[in-house]
Amino acid sequence: MDGGTSDLYQYQGHYYLVLTFHPNAISEREAEIQLAIAHEYGDAADVTAEQLAEYGQRLMATSALETTRYYFVRGHQA
């Protein structure tokens, strides 16, 4: 994910992806586009990033999207 980070959490039996965009590294428009793409694959949650950090289990830090893409794409190419 260009201009941001992605963290994967497990909390109360569900998985949550936290996307964080860095304003100095990405334009507001590009962040909106990336967020729209993310909404094609999942829904916004009522749980906050702070709740997840406090009570959830972080499974992947900083580059969860890239890490999962690596394993899923790699698995299909074998």
Protein backbone atom coordinates (compact mmCIF):
# COMPACT_ATOMS: atom_id res chain seq x y z
CA MET A 1 0.00 0.00 0.00
CA ASP A 2 1.61 3.21 -1.14
CA GLY A 3 1.60 6.06 1.34
CA GLY A 4 0.44 4.14 4.36
CA THR A 5 0.52 1.04 6.50
CA SER A 6 -1.81 -1.91 7.05
CA ASP A 7 -2.14 -3.91 10.27
CA LEU A 8 -4.17 -7.10 10.69
CA TYR A 9 -5.85 -7.83 14.03
CA GLN A 10 -7.99 -10.57 15.47
CA TYR A 11 -10.58 -9.42 18.01
CA GLN A 12 -13.61 -11.22 19.41
CA GLY A 13 -13.53 -13.89 16.72
CA HIS A 14 -13.26 -11.46 13.80
CA TYR A 15 -10.41 -10.16 11.66
CA TYR A 16 -9.84 -6.44 11.18
CA LEU A 17 -7.55 -4.60 8.82
CA VAL A 18 -6.45 -1.16 9.98
CA LEU A 19 -5.35 1.13 7.17
CA THR A 20 -3.31 4.18 8.12
CA PHE A 21 -2.54 6.80 5.49
CA HIS A 22 0.40 9.17 5.99
CA PRO A 23 -0.55 12.67 4.77
CA ASN A 24 3.01 13.59 3.82
CA ALA A 25 3.37 10.45 1.67
CA ILE A 26 0.03 10.35 -0.16
CA SER A 27 -2.48 12.84 -1.50
CA GLU A 28 -5.96 13.00 -0.04
CA ARG A 29 -7.40 11.92 -3.40
CA GLU A 30 -5.13 8.87 -3.63
CA ALA A 31 -6.05 7.89 -0.06
CA GLU A 32 -9.74 8.13 -1.01
CA ILE A 33 -9.13 5.88 -4.02
CA GLN A 34 -7.29 3.29 -1.94
CA LEU A 35 -10.01 3.39 0.71
CA ALA A 36 -12.70 2.88 -1.97
CA ILE A 37 -10.82 -0.19 -3.21
CA ALA A 38 -10.60 -1.54 0.35
CA HIS A 39 -14.37 -1.12 0.75
CA GLU A 40 -14.85 -3.44 -2.25
CA TYR A 41 -13.39 -6.25 -0.16
CA GLY A 42 -14.70 -5.45 3.31
CA ASP A 43 -16.88 -3.20 5.41
CA ALA A 44 -16.02 -0.40 7.79
CA ALA A 45 -16.17 -1.54 11.41
CA ASP A 46 -17.49 0.06 14.56
CA VAL A 47 -14.33 -1.03 16.39
CA THR A 48 -11.65 1.66 16.51
CA ALA A 49 -7.96 1.21 15.80
CA GLU A 50 -7.30 2.13 19.43
CA GLN A 51 -9.61 -0.64 20.68
CA LEU A 52 -7.88 -3.15 18.45
CA ALA A 53 -4.44 -2.05 19.62
CA GLU A 54 -5.53 -2.32 23.26
CA TYR A 55 -7.65 -5.49 23.25
CA GLY A 56 -7.05 -7.29 19.97
CA GLN A 57 -4.24 -9.54 18.89
CA ARG A 58 -2.08 -8.02 16.18
CA LEU A 59 -1.33 -10.75 13.66
CA MET A 60 0.58 -8.71 11.08
CA ALA A 61 2.13 -5.28 11.54
CA THR A 62 2.83 -2.46 9.09
CA SER A 63 2.47 -4.37 5.80
CA ALA A 64 -0.38 -6.85 6.26
CA LEU A 65 -1.72 -6.29 2.74
CA GLU A 66 1.65 -6.93 1.15
CA THR A 67 2.33 -9.95 3.36
CA THR A 68 -0.99 -11.64 2.60
CA ARG A 69 -0.67 -10.83 -1.10
CA TYR A 70 2.75 -12.48 -1.11
CA TYR A 71 1.47 -15.73 0.40
CA PHE A 72 -1.78 -15.96 -1.57
CA VAL A 73 -0.30 -15.04 -4.96
CA ARG A 74 2.73 -17.22 -4.36
CA GLY A 75 0.49 -20.16 -3.42
CA HIS A 76 -1.47 -19.90 -6.67
CA GLN A 77 1.67 -19.76 -8.82
CA ALA A 78 3.12 -23.00 -7.46
